[in-house]
mmCIF file of all heavy atoms, coordinates in Angstrom:
data_MODEL
# 
_entry.id   MODEL 
# 
loop_
_atom_site.group_PDB 
_atom_site.id 
_atom_site.type_symbol 
_atom_site.label_atom_id 
_atom_site.label_alt_id 
_atom_site.label_comp_id 
_atom_site.label_asym_id 
_atom_site.label_entity_id 
_atom_site.label_seq_id 
_atom_site.pdbx_PDB_ins_code 
_atom_site.Cartn_x 
_atom_site.Cartn_y 
_atom_site.Cartn_z 
_atom_site.occupancy 
_atom_site.B_iso_or_equiv 
_atom_site.pdbx_formal_charge 
_atom_site.auth_seq_id 
_atom_site.auth_comp_id 
_atom_site.auth_asym_id 
_atom_site.auth_atom_id 
_atom_site.pdbx_PDB_model_num 
ATOM 1   N N   . ALA A 1 1  ? 8.272  36.990 -9.836  1.00 0.00 ? 1  ALA A N   1 
ATOM 2   C CA  . ALA A 1 1  ? 6.920  37.550 -9.802  1.00 0.00 ? 1  ALA A CA  1 
ATOM 3   C C   . ALA A 1 1  ? 6.738  38.708 -8.823  1.00 0.00 ? 1  ALA A C   1 
ATOM 4   O O   . ALA A 1 1  ? 6.120  39.718 -9.184  1.00 0.00 ? 1  ALA A O   1 
ATOM 5   C CB  . ALA A 1 1  ? 5.903  36.449 -9.519  1.00 0.00 ? 1  ALA A CB  1 
ATOM 6   N N   . PRO A 1 2  ? 7.242  38.622 -7.586  1.00 0.00 ? 2  PRO A N   1 
ATOM 7   C CA  . PRO A 1 2  ? 6.992  39.749 -6.678  1.00 0.00 ? 2  PRO A CA  1 
ATOM 8   C C   . PRO A 1 2  ? 7.497  41.075 -7.224  1.00 0.00 ? 2  PRO A C   1 
ATOM 9   O O   . PRO A 1 2  ? 6.898  42.127 -6.986  1.00 0.00 ? 2  PRO A O   1 
ATOM 10  C CB  . PRO A 1 2  ? 7.744  39.336 -5.407  1.00 0.00 ? 2  PRO A CB  1 
ATOM 11  C CG  . PRO A 1 2  ? 7.800  37.844 -5.466  1.00 0.00 ? 2  PRO A CG  1 
ATOM 12  C CD  . PRO A 1 2  ? 7.961  37.520 -6.931  1.00 0.00 ? 2  PRO A CD  1 
ATOM 13  N N   . ARG A 1 3  ? 8.581  41.037 -7.985  1.00 0.00 ? 3  ARG A N   1 
ATOM 14  C CA  . ARG A 1 3  ? 9.178  42.270 -8.498  1.00 0.00 ? 3  ARG A CA  1 
ATOM 15  C C   . ARG A 1 3  ? 8.577  42.709 -9.824  1.00 0.00 ? 3  ARG A C   1 
ATOM 16  O O   . ARG A 1 3  ? 8.474  43.921 -10.091 1.00 0.00 ? 3  ARG A O   1 
ATOM 17  C CB  . ARG A 1 3  ? 10.689 42.072 -8.665  1.00 0.00 ? 3  ARG A CB  1 
ATOM 18  C CG  . ARG A 1 3  ? 11.435 43.328 -9.087  1.00 0.00 ? 3  ARG A CG  1 
ATOM 19  C CD  . ARG A 1 3  ? 12.933 43.098 -9.066  1.00 0.00 ? 3  ARG A CD  1 
ATOM 20  N NE  . ARG A 1 3  ? 13.665 44.307 -9.413  1.00 0.00 ? 3  ARG A NE  1 
ATOM 21  C CZ  . ARG A 1 3  ? 14.993 44.387 -9.489  1.00 0.00 ? 3  ARG A CZ  1 
ATOM 22  N NH1 . ARG A 1 3  ? 15.736 43.327 -9.193  1.00 0.00 ? 3  ARG A NH1 1 
ATOM 23  N NH2 . ARG A 1 3  ? 15.582 45.520 -9.815  1.00 0.00 ? 3  ARG A NH2 1 
ATOM 24  N N   . PHE A 1 4  ? 8.152  41.750 -10.657 1.00 0.00 ? 4  PHE A N   1 
ATOM 25  C CA  . PHE A 1 4  ? 7.741  42.101 -12.012 1.00 0.00 ? 4  PHE A CA  1 
ATOM 26  C C   . PHE A 1 4  ? 6.306  41.706 -12.349 1.00 0.00 ? 4  PHE A C   1 
ATOM 27  O O   . PHE A 1 4  ? 5.944  41.631 -13.509 1.00 0.00 ? 4  PHE A O   1 
ATOM 28  C CB  . PHE A 1 4  ? 8.697  41.459 -13.029 1.00 0.00 ? 4  PHE A CB  1 
ATOM 29  C CG  . PHE A 1 4  ? 10.101 42.002 -12.943 1.00 0.00 ? 4  PHE A CG  1 
ATOM 30  C CD1 . PHE A 1 4  ? 11.125 41.222 -12.421 1.00 0.00 ? 4  PHE A CD1 1 
ATOM 31  C CD2 . PHE A 1 4  ? 10.392 43.289 -13.362 1.00 0.00 ? 4  PHE A CD2 1 
ATOM 32  C CE1 . PHE A 1 4  ? 12.417 41.715 -12.333 1.00 0.00 ? 4  PHE A CE1 1 
ATOM 33  C CE2 . PHE A 1 4  ? 11.678 43.791 -13.284 1.00 0.00 ? 4  PHE A CE2 1 
ATOM 34  C CZ  . PHE A 1 4  ? 12.699 43.012 -12.768 1.00 0.00 ? 4  PHE A CZ  1 
ATOM 35  N N   . ARG A 1 5  ? 5.495  41.505 -11.335 1.00 0.00 ? 5  ARG A N   1 
ATOM 36  C CA  . ARG A 1 5  ? 4.093  41.197 -11.590 1.00 0.00 ? 5  ARG A CA  1 
ATOM 37  C C   . ARG A 1 5  ? 3.442  42.397 -12.312 1.00 0.00 ? 5  ARG A C   1 
ATOM 38  O O   . ARG A 1 5  ? 3.533  43.524 -11.860 1.00 0.00 ? 5  ARG A O   1 
ATOM 39  C CB  . ARG A 1 5  ? 3.387  40.894 -10.278 1.00 0.00 ? 5  ARG A CB  1 
ATOM 40  C CG  . ARG A 1 5  ? 1.991  40.317 -10.444 1.00 0.00 ? 5  ARG A CG  1 
ATOM 41  C CD  . ARG A 1 5  ? 1.455  39.837 -9.102  1.00 0.00 ? 5  ARG A CD  1 
ATOM 42  N NE  . ARG A 1 5  ? 2.046  38.557 -8.686  1.00 0.00 ? 5  ARG A NE  1 
ATOM 43  C CZ  . ARG A 1 5  ? 2.681  38.369 -7.541  1.00 0.00 ? 5  ARG A CZ  1 
ATOM 44  N NH1 . ARG A 1 5  ? 2.849  39.366 -6.691  1.00 0.00 ? 5  ARG A NH1 1 
ATOM 45  N NH2 . ARG A 1 5  ? 3.162  37.177 -7.234  1.00 0.00 ? 5  ARG A NH2 1 
ATOM 46  N N   . GLY A 1 6  ? 2.818  42.135 -13.455 1.00 0.00 ? 6  GLY A N   1 
ATOM 47  C CA  . GLY A 1 6  ? 2.208  43.201 -14.255 1.00 0.00 ? 6  GLY A CA  1 
ATOM 48  C C   . GLY A 1 6  ? 3.086  43.690 -15.391 1.00 0.00 ? 6  GLY A C   1 
ATOM 49  O O   . GLY A 1 6  ? 2.681  44.582 -16.158 1.00 0.00 ? 6  GLY A O   1 
ATOM 50  N N   . ILE A 1 7  ? 4.281  43.126 -15.554 1.00 0.00 ? 7  ILE A N   1 
ATOM 51  C CA  . ILE A 1 7  ? 5.187  43.588 -16.605 1.00 0.00 ? 7  ILE A CA  1 
ATOM 52  C C   . ILE A 1 7  ? 4.655  43.246 -17.996 1.00 0.00 ? 7  ILE A C   1 
ATOM 53  O O   . ILE A 1 7  ? 5.052  43.849 -18.996 1.00 0.00 ? 7  ILE A O   1 
ATOM 54  C CB  . ILE A 1 7  ? 6.602  43.014 -16.410 1.00 0.00 ? 7  ILE A CB  1 
ATOM 55  C CG1 . ILE A 1 7  ? 7.631  43.828 -17.231 1.00 0.00 ? 7  ILE A CG1 1 
ATOM 56  C CG2 . ILE A 1 7  ? 6.643  41.529 -16.748 1.00 0.00 ? 7  ILE A CG2 1 
ATOM 57  C CD1 . ILE A 1 7  ? 9.064  43.471 -16.940 1.00 0.00 ? 7  ILE A CD1 1 
ATOM 58  N N   . ASP A 1 8  ? 3.727  42.280 -18.087 1.00 0.00 ? 8  ASP A N   1 
ATOM 59  C CA  . ASP A 1 8  ? 3.143  41.959 -19.386 1.00 0.00 ? 8  ASP A CA  1 
ATOM 60  C C   . ASP A 1 8  ? 2.381  43.155 -19.956 1.00 0.00 ? 8  ASP A C   1 
ATOM 61  O O   . ASP A 1 8  ? 2.441  43.426 -21.161 1.00 0.00 ? 8  ASP A O   1 
ATOM 62  C CB  . ASP A 1 8  ? 2.232  40.739 -19.280 1.00 0.00 ? 8  ASP A CB  1 
ATOM 63  C CG  . ASP A 1 8  ? 1.171  40.880 -18.205 1.00 0.00 ? 8  ASP A CG  1 
ATOM 64  O OD1 . ASP A 1 8  ? 1.499  41.385 -17.109 1.00 0.00 ? 8  ASP A OD1 1 
ATOM 65  O OD2 . ASP A 1 8  ? 0.026  40.468 -18.449 1.00 0.00 ? 8  ASP A OD2 1 
ATOM 66  N N   . ALA A 1 9  ? 1.699  43.895 -19.096 1.00 0.00 ? 9  ALA A N   1 
ATOM 67  C CA  . ALA A 1 9  ? 0.992  45.089 -19.561 1.00 0.00 ? 9  ALA A CA  1 
ATOM 68  C C   . ALA A 1 9  ? 1.974  46.150 -20.031 1.00 0.00 ? 9  ALA A C   1 
ATOM 69  O O   . ALA A 1 9  ? 1.742  46.830 -21.041 1.00 0.00 ? 9  ALA A O   1 
ATOM 70  C CB  . ALA A 1 9  ? 0.107  45.647 -18.444 1.00 0.00 ? 9  ALA A CB  1 
ATOM 71  N N   . ALA A 1 10 ? 3.095  46.289 -19.326 1.00 0.00 ? 10 ALA A N   1 
ATOM 72  C CA  . ALA A 1 10 ? 4.118  47.255 -19.731 1.00 0.00 ? 10 ALA A CA  1 
ATOM 73  C C   . ALA A 1 10 ? 4.730  46.863 -21.072 1.00 0.00 ? 10 ALA A C   1 
ATOM 74  O O   . ALA A 1 10 ? 5.020  47.724 -21.904 1.00 0.00 ? 10 ALA A O   1 
ATOM 75  C CB  . ALA A 1 10 ? 5.210  47.347 -18.656 1.00 0.00 ? 10 ALA A CB  1 
ATOM 76  N N   . PHE A 1 11 ? 4.904  45.573 -21.297 1.00 0.00 ? 11 PHE A N   1 
ATOM 77  C CA  . PHE A 1 11 ? 5.452  45.138 -22.586 1.00 0.00 ? 11 PHE A CA  1 
ATOM 78  C C   . PHE A 1 11 ? 4.478  45.444 -23.714 1.00 0.00 ? 11 PHE A C   1 
ATOM 79  O O   . PHE A 1 11 ? 4.881  45.886 -24.799 1.00 0.00 ? 11 PHE A O   1 
ATOM 80  C CB  . PHE A 1 11 ? 5.780  43.645 -22.567 1.00 0.00 ? 11 PHE A CB  1 
ATOM 81  C CG  . PHE A 1 11 ? 6.387  43.161 -23.855 1.00 0.00 ? 11 PHE A CG  1 
ATOM 82  C CD1 . PHE A 1 11 ? 7.759  43.189 -24.040 1.00 0.00 ? 11 PHE A CD1 1 
ATOM 83  C CD2 . PHE A 1 11 ? 5.586  42.700 -24.899 1.00 0.00 ? 11 PHE A CD2 1 
ATOM 84  C CE1 . PHE A 1 11 ? 8.325  42.768 -25.240 1.00 0.00 ? 11 PHE A CE1 1 
ATOM 85  C CE2 . PHE A 1 11 ? 6.143  42.282 -26.090 1.00 0.00 ? 11 PHE A CE2 1 
ATOM 86  C CZ  . PHE A 1 11 ? 7.516  42.311 -26.261 1.00 0.00 ? 11 PHE A CZ  1 
ATOM 87  N N   . ARG A 1 12 ? 3.202  45.200 -23.488 1.00 0.00 ? 12 ARG A N   1 
ATOM 88  C CA  . ARG A 1 12 ? 2.210  45.482 -24.539 1.00 0.00 ? 12 ARG A CA  1 
ATOM 89  C C   . ARG A 1 12 ? 2.213  46.960 -24.919 1.00 0.00 ? 12 ARG A C   1 
ATOM 90  O O   . ARG A 1 12 ? 2.001  47.316 -26.073 1.00 0.00 ? 12 ARG A O   1 
ATOM 91  C CB  . ARG A 1 12 ? 0.820  45.062 -24.072 1.00 0.00 ? 12 ARG A CB  1 
ATOM 92  C CG  . ARG A 1 12 ? 0.600  43.549 -24.021 1.00 0.00 ? 12 ARG A CG  1 
ATOM 93  C CD  . ARG A 1 12 ? -0.858 43.215 -23.802 1.00 0.00 ? 12 ARG A CD  1 
ATOM 94  N NE  . ARG A 1 12 ? -1.090 41.771 -23.772 1.00 0.00 ? 12 ARG A NE  1 
ATOM 95  C CZ  . ARG A 1 12 ? -1.138 41.045 -22.668 1.00 0.00 ? 12 ARG A CZ  1 
ATOM 96  N NH1 . ARG A 1 12 ? -0.975 41.638 -21.485 1.00 0.00 ? 12 ARG A NH1 1 
ATOM 97  N NH2 . ARG A 1 12 ? -1.342 39.749 -22.713 1.00 0.00 ? 12 ARG A NH2 1 
ATOM 98  N N   . GLU A 1 13 ? 2.461  47.825 -23.943 1.00 0.00 ? 13 GLU A N   1 
ATOM 99  C CA  . GLU A 1 13 ? 2.469  49.269 -24.213 1.00 0.00 ? 13 GLU A CA  1 
ATOM 100 C C   . GLU A 1 13 ? 3.740  49.710 -24.916 1.00 0.00 ? 13 GLU A C   1 
ATOM 101 O O   . GLU A 1 13 ? 3.710  50.602 -25.775 1.00 0.00 ? 13 GLU A O   1 
ATOM 102 C CB  . GLU A 1 13 ? 2.320  50.050 -22.897 1.00 0.00 ? 13 GLU A CB  1 
ATOM 103 C CG  . GLU A 1 13 ? 0.963  49.898 -22.226 1.00 0.00 ? 13 GLU A CG  1 
ATOM 104 C CD  . GLU A 1 13 ? 0.903  50.632 -20.898 1.00 0.00 ? 13 GLU A CD  1 
ATOM 105 O OE1 . GLU A 1 13 ? 1.936  51.255 -20.520 1.00 0.00 ? 13 GLU A OE1 1 
ATOM 106 O OE2 . GLU A 1 13 ? -0.146 50.587 -20.248 1.00 0.00 ? 13 GLU A OE2 1 
ATOM 107 N N   . THR A 1 14 ? 4.873  49.105 -24.590 1.00 0.00 ? 14 THR A N   1 
ATOM 108 C CA  . THR A 1 14 ? 6.167  49.587 -25.085 1.00 0.00 ? 14 THR A CA  1 
ATOM 109 C C   . THR A 1 14 ? 6.739  48.742 -26.225 1.00 0.00 ? 14 THR A C   1 
ATOM 110 O O   . THR A 1 14 ? 7.610  49.209 -26.955 1.00 0.00 ? 14 THR A O   1 
ATOM 111 C CB  . THR A 1 14 ? 7.196  49.604 -23.947 1.00 0.00 ? 14 THR A CB  1 
ATOM 112 O OG1 . THR A 1 14 ? 7.384  48.253 -23.460 1.00 0.00 ? 14 THR A OG1 1 
ATOM 113 C CG2 . THR A 1 14 ? 6.721  50.481 -22.792 1.00 0.00 ? 14 THR A CG2 1 
ATOM 114 N N   . ASN A 1 15 ? 6.254  47.497 -26.351 1.00 0.00 ? 15 ASN A N   1 
ATOM 115 C CA  . ASN A 1 15 ? 6.763  46.579 -27.368 1.00 0.00 ? 15 ASN A CA  1 
ATOM 116 C C   . ASN A 1 15 ? 8.259  46.301 -27.178 1.00 0.00 ? 15 ASN A C   1 
ATOM 117 O O   . ASN A 1 15 ? 8.969  46.009 -28.134 1.00 0.00 ? 15 ASN A O   1 
ATOM 118 C CB  . ASN A 1 15 ? 6.507  47.128 -28.779 1.00 0.00 ? 15 ASN A CB  1 
ATOM 119 C CG  . ASN A 1 15 ? 6.508  46.045 -29.839 1.00 0.00 ? 15 ASN A CG  1 
ATOM 120 O OD1 . ASN A 1 15 ? 6.164  44.902 -29.563 1.00 0.00 ? 15 ASN A OD1 1 
ATOM 121 N ND2 . ASN A 1 15 ? 6.903  46.394 -31.049 1.00 0.00 ? 15 ASN A ND2 1 
ATOM 122 N N   . SER A 1 16 ? 8.735  46.408 -25.947 1.00 0.00 ? 16 SER A N   1 
ATOM 123 C CA  . SER A 1 16 ? 10.157 46.232 -25.657 1.00 0.00 ? 16 SER A CA  1 
ATOM 124 C C   . SER A 1 16 ? 10.314 45.764 -24.228 1.00 0.00 ? 16 SER A C   1 
ATOM 125 O O   . SER A 1 16 ? 9.751  46.369 -23.299 1.00 0.00 ? 16 SER A O   1 
ATOM 126 C CB  . SER A 1 16 ? 10.909 47.547 -25.863 1.00 0.00 ? 16 SER A CB  1 
ATOM 127 O OG  . SER A 1 16 ? 12.179 47.521 -25.256 1.00 0.00 ? 16 SER A OG  1 
ATOM 128 N N   . LEU A 1 17 ? 11.091 44.709 -24.022 1.00 0.00 ? 17 LEU A N   1 
ATOM 129 C CA  . LEU A 1 17 ? 11.337 44.232 -22.666 1.00 0.00 ? 17 LEU A CA  1 
ATOM 130 C C   . LEU A 1 17 ? 12.220 45.214 -21.905 1.00 0.00 ? 17 LEU A C   1 
ATOM 131 O O   . LEU A 1 17 ? 12.036 45.430 -20.702 1.00 0.00 ? 17 LEU A O   1 
ATOM 132 C CB  . LEU A 1 17 ? 11.988 42.845 -22.723 1.00 0.00 ? 17 LEU A CB  1 
ATOM 133 C CG  . LEU A 1 17 ? 11.966 42.011 -21.435 1.00 0.00 ? 17 LEU A CG  1 
ATOM 134 C CD1 . LEU A 1 17 ? 10.566 41.925 -20.848 1.00 0.00 ? 17 LEU A CD1 1 
ATOM 135 C CD2 . LEU A 1 17 ? 12.511 40.621 -21.714 1.00 0.00 ? 17 LEU A CD2 1 
ATOM 136 N N   . THR A 1 18 ? 13.181 45.833 -22.598 1.00 0.00 ? 18 THR A N   1 
ATOM 137 C CA  . THR A 1 18 ? 14.041 46.825 -21.955 1.00 0.00 ? 18 THR A CA  1 
ATOM 138 C C   . THR A 1 18 ? 13.221 48.000 -21.439 1.00 0.00 ? 18 THR A C   1 
ATOM 139 O O   . THR A 1 18 ? 13.406 48.459 -20.302 1.00 0.00 ? 18 THR A O   1 
ATOM 140 C CB  . THR A 1 18 ? 15.110 47.335 -22.947 1.00 0.00 ? 18 THR A CB  1 
ATOM 141 O OG1 . THR A 1 18 ? 15.936 46.232 -23.338 1.00 0.00 ? 18 THR A OG1 1 
ATOM 142 C CG2 . THR A 1 18 ? 15.976 48.410 -22.309 1.00 0.00 ? 18 THR A CG2 1 
ATOM 143 N N   . ALA A 1 19 ? 12.296 48.506 -22.271 1.00 0.00 ? 19 ALA A N   1 
ATOM 144 C CA  . ALA A 1 19 ? 11.439 49.621 -21.855 1.00 0.00 ? 19 ALA A CA  1 
ATOM 145 C C   . ALA A 1 19 ? 10.505 49.197 -20.727 1.00 0.00 ? 19 ALA A C   1 
ATOM 146 O O   . ALA A 1 19 ? 10.205 49.989 -19.821 1.00 0.00 ? 19 ALA A O   1 
ATOM 147 C CB  . ALA A 1 19 ? 10.644 50.135 -23.048 1.00 0.00 ? 19 ALA A CB  1 
ATOM 148 N N   . ALA A 1 20 ? 10.043 47.952 -20.772 1.00 0.00 ? 20 ALA A N   1 
ATOM 149 C CA  . ALA A 1 20 ? 9.173  47.464 -19.704 1.00 0.00 ? 20 ALA A CA  1 
ATOM 150 C C   . ALA A 1 20 ? 9.937  47.372 -18.384 1.00 0.00 ? 20 ALA A C   1 
ATOM 151 O O   . ALA A 1 20 ? 9.412  47.726 -17.318 1.00 0.00 ? 20 ALA A O   1 
ATOM 152 C CB  . ALA A 1 20 ? 8.601  46.099 -20.083 1.00 0.00 ? 20 ALA A CB  1 
ATOM 153 N N   . PHE A 1 21 ? 11.189 46.922 -18.440 1.00 0.00 ? 21 PHE A N   1 
ATOM 154 C CA  . PHE A 1 21 ? 12.024 46.893 -17.228 1.00 0.00 ? 21 PHE A CA  1 
ATOM 155 C C   . PHE A 1 21 ? 12.153 48.293 -16.634 1.00 0.00 ? 21 PHE A C   1 
ATOM 156 O O   . PHE A 1 21 ? 12.129 48.473 -15.414 1.00 0.00 ? 21 PHE A O   1 
ATOM 157 C CB  . PHE A 1 21 ? 13.408 46.342 -17.549 1.00 0.00 ? 21 PHE A CB  1 
ATOM 158 C CG  . PHE A 1 21 ? 13.505 44.845 -17.583 1.00 0.00 ? 21 PHE A CG  1 
ATOM 159 C CD1 . PHE A 1 21 ? 14.282 44.208 -18.545 1.00 0.00 ? 21 PHE A CD1 1 
ATOM 160 C CD2 . PHE A 1 21 ? 12.840 44.065 -16.652 1.00 0.00 ? 21 PHE A CD2 1 
ATOM 161 C CE1 . PHE A 1 21 ? 14.386 42.828 -18.578 1.00 0.00 ? 21 PHE A CE1 1 
ATOM 162 C CE2 . PHE A 1 21 ? 12.928 42.681 -16.676 1.00 0.00 ? 21 PHE A CE2 1 
ATOM 163 C CZ  . PHE A 1 21 ? 13.702 42.060 -17.641 1.00 0.00 ? 21 PHE A CZ  1 
ATOM 164 N N   . LEU A 1 22 ? 12.311 49.281 -17.487 1.00 0.00 ? 22 LEU A N   1 
ATOM 165 C CA  . LEU A 1 22 ? 12.485 50.658 -17.017 1.00 0.00 ? 22 LEU A CA  1 
ATOM 166 C C   . LEU A 1 22 ? 11.281 51.105 -16.195 1.00 0.00 ? 22 LEU A C   1 
ATOM 167 O O   . LEU A 1 22 ? 11.431 51.800 -15.178 1.00 0.00 ? 22 LEU A O   1 
ATOM 168 C CB  . LEU A 1 22 ? 12.703 51.590 -18.209 1.00 0.00 ? 22 LEU A CB  1 
ATOM 169 C CG  . LEU A 1 22 ? 13.005 53.053 -17.887 1.00 0.00 ? 22 LEU A CG  1 
ATOM 170 C CD1 . LEU A 1 22 ? 14.277 53.175 -17.050 1.00 0.00 ? 22 LEU A CD1 1 
ATOM 171 C CD2 . LEU A 1 22 ? 13.147 53.865 -19.177 1.00 0.00 ? 22 LEU A CD2 1 
ATOM 172 N N   . GLU A 1 23 ? 10.085 50.697 -16.613 1.00 0.00 ? 23 GLU A N   1 
ATOM 173 C CA  . GLU A 1 23 ? 8.878  51.058 -15.867 1.00 0.00 ? 23 GLU A CA  1 
ATOM 174 C C   . GLU A 1 23 ? 8.835  50.397 -14.492 1.00 0.00 ? 23 GLU A C   1 
ATOM 175 O O   . GLU A 1 23 ? 8.097  50.829 -13.609 1.00 0.00 ? 23 GLU A O   1 
ATOM 176 C CB  . GLU A 1 23 ? 7.632  50.684 -16.666 1.00 0.00 ? 23 GLU A CB  1 
ATOM 177 C CG  . GLU A 1 23 ? 7.450  51.519 -17.939 1.00 0.00 ? 23 GLU A CG  1 
ATOM 178 C CD  . GLU A 1 23 ? 6.065  51.365 -18.525 1.00 0.00 ? 23 GLU A CD  1 
ATOM 179 O OE1 . GLU A 1 23 ? 5.155  50.870 -17.794 1.00 0.00 ? 23 GLU A OE1 1 
ATOM 180 O OE2 . GLU A 1 23 ? 5.874  51.745 -19.688 1.00 0.00 ? 23 GLU A OE2 1 
ATOM 181 N N   . PHE A 1 24 ? 9.658  49.351 -14.308 1.00 0.00 ? 24 PHE A N   1 
ATOM 182 C CA  . PHE A 1 24 ? 9.727  48.664 -13.010 1.00 0.00 ? 24 PHE A CA  1 
ATOM 183 C C   . PHE A 1 24 ? 11.002 49.024 -12.255 1.00 0.00 ? 24 PHE A C   1 
ATOM 184 O O   . PHE A 1 24 ? 11.426 48.299 -11.353 1.00 0.00 ? 24 PHE A O   1 
ATOM 185 C CB  . PHE A 1 24 ? 9.611  47.150 -13.213 1.00 0.00 ? 24 PHE A CB  1 
ATOM 186 C CG  . PHE A 1 24 ? 8.200  46.676 -13.424 1.00 0.00 ? 24 PHE A CG  1 
ATOM 187 C CD1 . PHE A 1 24 ? 7.553  46.901 -14.623 1.00 0.00 ? 24 PHE A CD1 1 
ATOM 188 C CD2 . PHE A 1 24 ? 7.496  46.043 -12.402 1.00 0.00 ? 24 PHE A CD2 1 
ATOM 189 C CE1 . PHE A 1 24 ? 6.241  46.477 -14.823 1.00 0.00 ? 24 PHE A CE1 1 
ATOM 190 C CE2 . PHE A 1 24 ? 6.194  45.623 -12.588 1.00 0.00 ? 24 PHE A CE2 1 
ATOM 191 C CZ  . PHE A 1 24 ? 5.556  45.848 -13.802 1.00 0.00 ? 24 PHE A CZ  1 
ATOM 192 N N   . GLY A 1 25 ? 11.612 50.143 -12.644 1.00 0.00 ? 25 GLY A N   1 
ATOM 193 C CA  . GLY A 1 25 ? 12.748 50.664 -11.892 1.00 0.00 ? 25 GLY A CA  1 
ATOM 194 C C   . GLY A 1 25 ? 14.097 50.123 -12.278 1.00 0.00 ? 25 GLY A C   1 
ATOM 195 O O   . GLY A 1 25 ? 15.096 50.411 -11.603 1.00 0.00 ? 25 GLY A O   1 
ATOM 196 N N   . VAL A 1 26 ? 14.178 49.329 -13.359 1.00 0.00 ? 26 VAL A N   1 
ATOM 197 C CA  . VAL A 1 26 ? 15.462 48.794 -13.809 1.00 0.00 ? 26 VAL A CA  1 
ATOM 198 C C   . VAL A 1 26 ? 15.993 49.712 -14.905 1.00 0.00 ? 26 VAL A C   1 
ATOM 199 O O   . VAL A 1 26 ? 15.610 49.599 -16.068 1.00 0.00 ? 26 VAL A O   1 
ATOM 200 C CB  . VAL A 1 26 ? 15.332 47.349 -14.331 1.00 0.00 ? 26 VAL A CB  1 
ATOM 201 C CG1 . VAL A 1 26 ? 16.685 46.821 -14.787 1.00 0.00 ? 26 VAL A CG1 1 
ATOM 202 C CG2 . VAL A 1 26 ? 14.740 46.451 -13.250 1.00 0.00 ? 26 VAL A CG2 1 
# 
């Protein structure tokens, strides 16, 4: 959670977990 809190919103925008990770610096 400390690292990926808010990733659900990124997934909704990108429809991809890989793309959502990218928005969090991965």
